[in-house]
Amino acid sequence: MTSRQPPKKRKIEEKEDITNLYFGADFEDAEAMLNAEVKVIIDSINEEKDLDMSDWSELMQNTTSYVSTFGRFQDKTSIATCKQ
């Protein structure tokens, strides 16, 4: 009589599920960014690539407008102080 080995358990891959606010393993320890932080990143990318606002996609224009309107802090020092 041969002994049978138990079936191997498959590793279940968890997928992102935005409806239940599960964004996947990449975002488990992530912190939300302030609007001002997003604006700093967008500005630095645009300066680096030397882009004019007319070169931006509609999404980039809308995002920039939003973070400029609702971003309380305007400089990196204020942002760093707020994040502490």
N, C-alpha and C. Protein backbone atom coordinates (compact mmCIF):
# COMPACT_ATOMS: atom_id res chain seq x y z
N MET A 1 0.83 -1.17 0.00
CA MET A 1 0.00 0.00 0.00
C MET A 1 0.89 1.24 0.00
N THR A 2 0.61 2.18 -0.88
CA THR A 2 1.40 3.41 -0.94
C THR A 2 0.71 4.49 -0.12
N SER A 3 1.52 5.30 0.49
CA SER A 3 0.93 6.39 1.28
C SER A 3 0.69 7.59 0.36
N ARG A 4 -0.44 8.17 0.55
CA ARG A 4 -0.80 9.34 -0.26
C ARG A 4 -0.43 10.61 0.50
N GLN A 5 0.12 11.52 -0.21
CA GLN A 5 0.44 12.79 0.40
C GLN A 5 -0.79 13.70 0.31
N PRO A 6 -0.97 14.52 1.33
CA PRO A 6 -2.11 15.44 1.27
C PRO A 6 -1.93 16.41 0.10
N PRO A 7 -3.02 16.86 -0.46
CA PRO A 7 -2.90 17.78 -1.59
C PRO A 7 -2.19 19.07 -1.15
N LYS A 8 -1.42 19.62 -2.05
CA LYS A 8 -0.70 20.86 -1.76
C LYS A 8 -1.70 22.02 -1.73
N LYS A 9 -1.49 22.86 -0.74
CA LYS A 9 -2.35 24.03 -0.66
C LYS A 9 -1.83 25.09 -1.63
N ARG A 10 -2.72 25.63 -2.36
CA ARG A 10 -2.36 26.68 -3.29
C ARG A 10 -2.31 28.01 -2.56
N LYS A 11 -1.35 28.78 -2.94
CA LYS A 11 -1.28 30.12 -2.38
C LYS A 11 -2.36 30.96 -3.06
N ILE A 12 -3.24 31.47 -2.26
CA ILE A 12 -4.33 32.28 -2.80
C ILE A 12 -3.82 33.71 -2.97
N GLU A 13 -3.93 34.18 -4.16
CA GLU A 13 -3.47 35.54 -4.45
C GLU A 13 -4.62 36.50 -4.20
N GLU A 14 -4.37 37.44 -3.28
CA GLU A 14 -5.40 38.42 -2.99
C GLU A 14 -5.34 39.53 -4.03
N LYS A 15 -6.48 39.92 -4.47
CA LYS A 15 -6.55 40.98 -5.47
C LYS A 15 -7.14 42.23 -4.83
N GLU A 16 -6.81 43.34 -5.44
CA GLU A 16 -7.35 44.60 -4.96
C GLU A 16 -8.86 44.59 -5.08
N ASP A 17 -9.51 45.20 -4.10
CA ASP A 17 -10.97 45.31 -4.13
C ASP A 17 -11.34 46.69 -3.61
N ILE A 18 -11.45 47.61 -4.53
CA ILE A 18 -11.70 49.00 -4.15
C ILE A 18 -13.05 49.18 -3.47
N THR A 19 -14.02 48.35 -3.80
CA THR A 19 -15.34 48.48 -3.18
C THR A 19 -15.28 48.22 -1.68
N ASN A 20 -14.29 47.42 -1.25
CA ASN A 20 -14.11 47.16 0.18
C ASN A 20 -12.88 47.87 0.74
N LEU A 21 -12.38 48.85 -0.02
CA LEU A 21 -11.21 49.64 0.37
C LEU A 21 -9.98 48.77 0.64
N TYR A 22 -9.81 47.72 -0.14
CA TYR A 22 -8.58 46.93 -0.08
C TYR A 22 -7.80 47.21 -1.36
N PHE A 23 -6.64 47.84 -1.19
CA PHE A 23 -5.86 48.29 -2.34
C PHE A 23 -4.69 47.39 -2.66
N GLY A 24 -4.54 46.27 -1.98
CA GLY A 24 -3.47 45.34 -2.26
C GLY A 24 -2.29 45.52 -1.32
N ALA A 25 -1.38 44.59 -1.39
CA ALA A 25 -0.23 44.56 -0.48
C ALA A 25 0.67 45.78 -0.63
N ASP A 26 0.75 46.33 -1.82
CA ASP A 26 1.62 47.49 -2.04
C ASP A 26 1.21 48.70 -1.20
N PHE A 27 -0.04 48.75 -0.81
CA PHE A 27 -0.54 49.92 -0.10
C PHE A 27 -0.82 49.67 1.39
N GLU A 28 -0.44 48.52 1.90
CA GLU A 28 -0.76 48.19 3.29
C GLU A 28 -0.18 49.18 4.29
N ASP A 29 1.05 49.58 4.12
CA ASP A 29 1.69 50.50 5.05
C ASP A 29 1.81 51.92 4.50
N ALA A 30 1.11 52.20 3.44
CA ALA A 30 1.21 53.51 2.80
C ALA A 30 0.38 54.54 3.56
N GLU A 31 0.86 55.76 3.53
CA GLU A 31 0.14 56.87 4.13
C GLU A 31 -0.45 57.72 3.02
N ALA A 32 -1.57 58.33 3.30
CA ALA A 32 -2.19 59.23 2.33
C ALA A 32 -1.34 60.49 2.19
N MET A 33 -1.35 61.05 1.01
CA MET A 33 -0.58 62.27 0.77
C MET A 33 -1.50 63.48 0.90
N LEU A 34 -0.92 64.57 1.35
CA LEU A 34 -1.64 65.83 1.39
C LEU A 34 -1.75 66.38 -0.03
N ASN A 35 -2.77 67.19 -0.28
CA ASN A 35 -2.90 67.81 -1.59
C ASN A 35 -1.64 68.61 -1.94
N ALA A 36 -1.08 69.28 -0.94
CA ALA A 36 0.12 70.07 -1.16
C ALA A 36 1.30 69.19 -1.59
N GLU A 37 1.40 67.98 -1.05
CA GLU A 37 2.46 67.06 -1.45
C GLU A 37 2.30 66.63 -2.90
N VAL A 38 1.06 66.37 -3.29
CA VAL A 38 0.77 66.00 -4.68
C VAL A 38 1.17 67.14 -5.60
N LYS A 39 0.84 68.37 -5.19
CA LYS A 39 1.19 69.55 -6.01
C LYS A 39 2.70 69.68 -6.17
N VAL A 40 3.45 69.46 -5.10
CA VAL A 40 4.91 69.55 -5.18
C VAL A 40 5.45 68.52 -6.17
N ILE A 41 4.92 67.31 -6.12
CA ILE A 41 5.36 66.26 -7.03
C ILE A 41 5.03 66.62 -8.48
N ILE A 42 3.80 67.06 -8.71
CA ILE A 42 3.40 67.44 -10.07
C ILE A 42 4.27 68.58 -10.58
N ASP A 43 4.49 69.59 -9.74
CA ASP A 43 5.32 70.73 -10.16
C ASP A 43 6.74 70.29 -10.50
N SER A 44 7.30 69.40 -9.68
CA SER A 44 8.68 68.97 -9.94
C SER A 44 8.78 68.15 -11.23
N ILE A 45 7.78 67.32 -11.50
CA ILE A 45 7.76 66.55 -12.75
C ILE A 45 7.67 67.50 -13.95
N ASN A 46 6.80 68.49 -13.84
CA ASN A 46 6.62 69.43 -14.95
C ASN A 46 7.86 70.28 -15.18
N GLU A 47 8.55 70.65 -14.09
CA GLU A 47 9.79 71.42 -14.24
C GLU A 47 10.88 70.54 -14.88
N GLU A 48 10.95 69.30 -14.42
CA GLU A 48 11.97 68.37 -14.94
C GLU A 48 11.79 68.12 -16.42
N LYS A 49 10.54 67.96 -16.83
CA LYS A 49 10.26 67.68 -18.24
C LYS A 49 10.07 68.95 -19.05
N ASP A 50 10.14 70.11 -18.37
CA ASP A 50 9.97 71.41 -19.01
C ASP A 50 8.66 71.47 -19.80
N LEU A 51 7.58 71.05 -19.13
CA LEU A 51 6.27 71.04 -19.77
C LEU A 51 5.52 72.34 -19.52
N ASP A 52 4.81 72.77 -20.52
CA ASP A 52 3.93 73.91 -20.41
C ASP A 52 2.53 73.37 -20.11
N MET A 53 1.69 74.16 -19.47
CA MET A 53 0.36 73.68 -19.09
C MET A 53 -0.43 73.19 -20.32
N SER A 54 -0.17 73.78 -21.47
CA SER A 54 -0.87 73.36 -22.69
C SER A 54 -0.47 71.94 -23.13
N ASP A 55 0.68 71.46 -22.63
CA ASP A 55 1.15 70.11 -22.97
C ASP A 55 0.54 69.04 -22.07
N TRP A 56 -0.10 69.44 -20.99
CA TRP A 56 -0.63 68.49 -20.02
C TRP A 56 -1.89 67.81 -20.52
N SER A 57 -2.13 66.61 -20.03
CA SER A 57 -3.39 65.93 -20.34
C SER A 57 -4.49 66.61 -19.54
N GLU A 58 -5.72 66.34 -19.90
CA GLU A 58 -6.86 66.90 -19.17
C GLU A 58 -6.86 66.45 -17.71
N LEU A 59 -6.50 65.19 -17.49
CA LEU A 59 -6.43 64.67 -16.13
C LEU A 59 -5.40 65.43 -15.30
N MET A 60 -4.23 65.68 -15.88
CA MET A 60 -3.18 66.41 -15.17
C MET A 60 -3.63 67.85 -14.89
N GLN A 61 -4.30 68.46 -15.83
CA GLN A 61 -4.78 69.83 -15.62
C GLN A 61 -5.82 69.88 -14.50
N ASN A 62 -6.75 68.93 -14.51
CA ASN A 62 -7.78 68.88 -13.47
C ASN A 62 -7.19 68.58 -12.10
N THR A 63 -6.24 67.65 -12.05
CA THR A 63 -5.59 67.30 -10.79
C THR A 63 -4.83 68.50 -10.23
N THR A 64 -4.09 69.18 -11.08
CA THR A 64 -3.33 70.35 -10.65
C THR A 64 -4.26 71.45 -10.15
N SER A 65 -5.34 71.65 -10.85
CA SER A 65 -6.31 72.65 -10.42
C SER A 65 -6.89 72.30 -9.05
N TYR A 66 -7.22 71.02 -8.85
CA TYR A 66 -7.80 70.57 -7.59
C TYR A 66 -6.81 70.75 -6.44
N VAL A 67 -5.58 70.27 -6.60
CA VAL A 67 -4.63 70.36 -5.49
C VAL A 67 -4.21 71.80 -5.22
N SER A 68 -4.25 72.65 -6.25
CA SER A 68 -3.95 74.07 -6.03
C SER A 68 -5.07 74.75 -5.26
N THR A 69 -6.29 74.36 -5.56
CA THR A 69 -7.44 74.96 -4.89
C THR A 69 -7.55 74.51 -3.44
N PHE A 70 -7.36 73.22 -3.19
CA PHE A 70 -7.60 72.67 -1.87
C PHE A 70 -6.34 72.43 -1.05
N GLY A 71 -5.18 72.69 -1.62
CA GLY A 71 -3.93 72.53 -0.87
C GLY A 71 -3.73 73.70 0.07
N ARG A 72 -3.71 73.44 1.36
CA ARG A 72 -3.55 74.51 2.34
C ARG A 72 -2.13 75.06 2.38
N PHE A 73 -1.17 74.18 2.24
CA PHE A 73 0.22 74.55 2.45
C PHE A 73 0.89 74.76 1.11
N GLN A 74 1.69 75.80 1.03
CA GLN A 74 2.26 76.17 -0.26
C GLN A 74 3.75 75.89 -0.40
N ASP A 75 4.43 75.58 0.71
CA ASP A 75 5.87 75.32 0.59
C ASP A 75 6.24 74.04 1.32
N LYS A 76 7.41 73.51 1.00
CA LYS A 76 7.83 72.21 1.53
C LYS A 76 8.00 72.24 3.05
N THR A 77 8.41 73.37 3.61
CA THR A 77 8.59 73.47 5.06
C THR A 77 7.26 73.32 5.78
N SER A 78 6.24 73.98 5.28
CA SER A 78 4.90 73.88 5.88
C SER A 78 4.36 72.45 5.79
N ILE A 79 4.60 71.82 4.66
CA ILE A 79 4.13 70.44 4.46
C ILE A 79 4.83 69.51 5.43
N ALA A 80 6.15 69.65 5.57
CA ALA A 80 6.91 68.79 6.48
C ALA A 80 6.46 68.99 7.92
N THR A 81 6.19 70.22 8.32
CA THR A 81 5.72 70.51 9.66
C THR A 81 4.36 69.87 9.91
N CYS A 82 3.50 69.93 8.94
CA CYS A 82 2.16 69.35 9.07
C CYS A 82 2.21 67.84 9.18
N LYS A 83 3.12 67.20 8.45
CA LYS A 83 3.20 65.73 8.44
C LYS A 83 3.76 65.17 9.75
N GLN A 84 4.44 66.01 10.56
CA GLN A 84 5.03 65.52 11.80
C GLN A 84 4.02 65.26 12.84
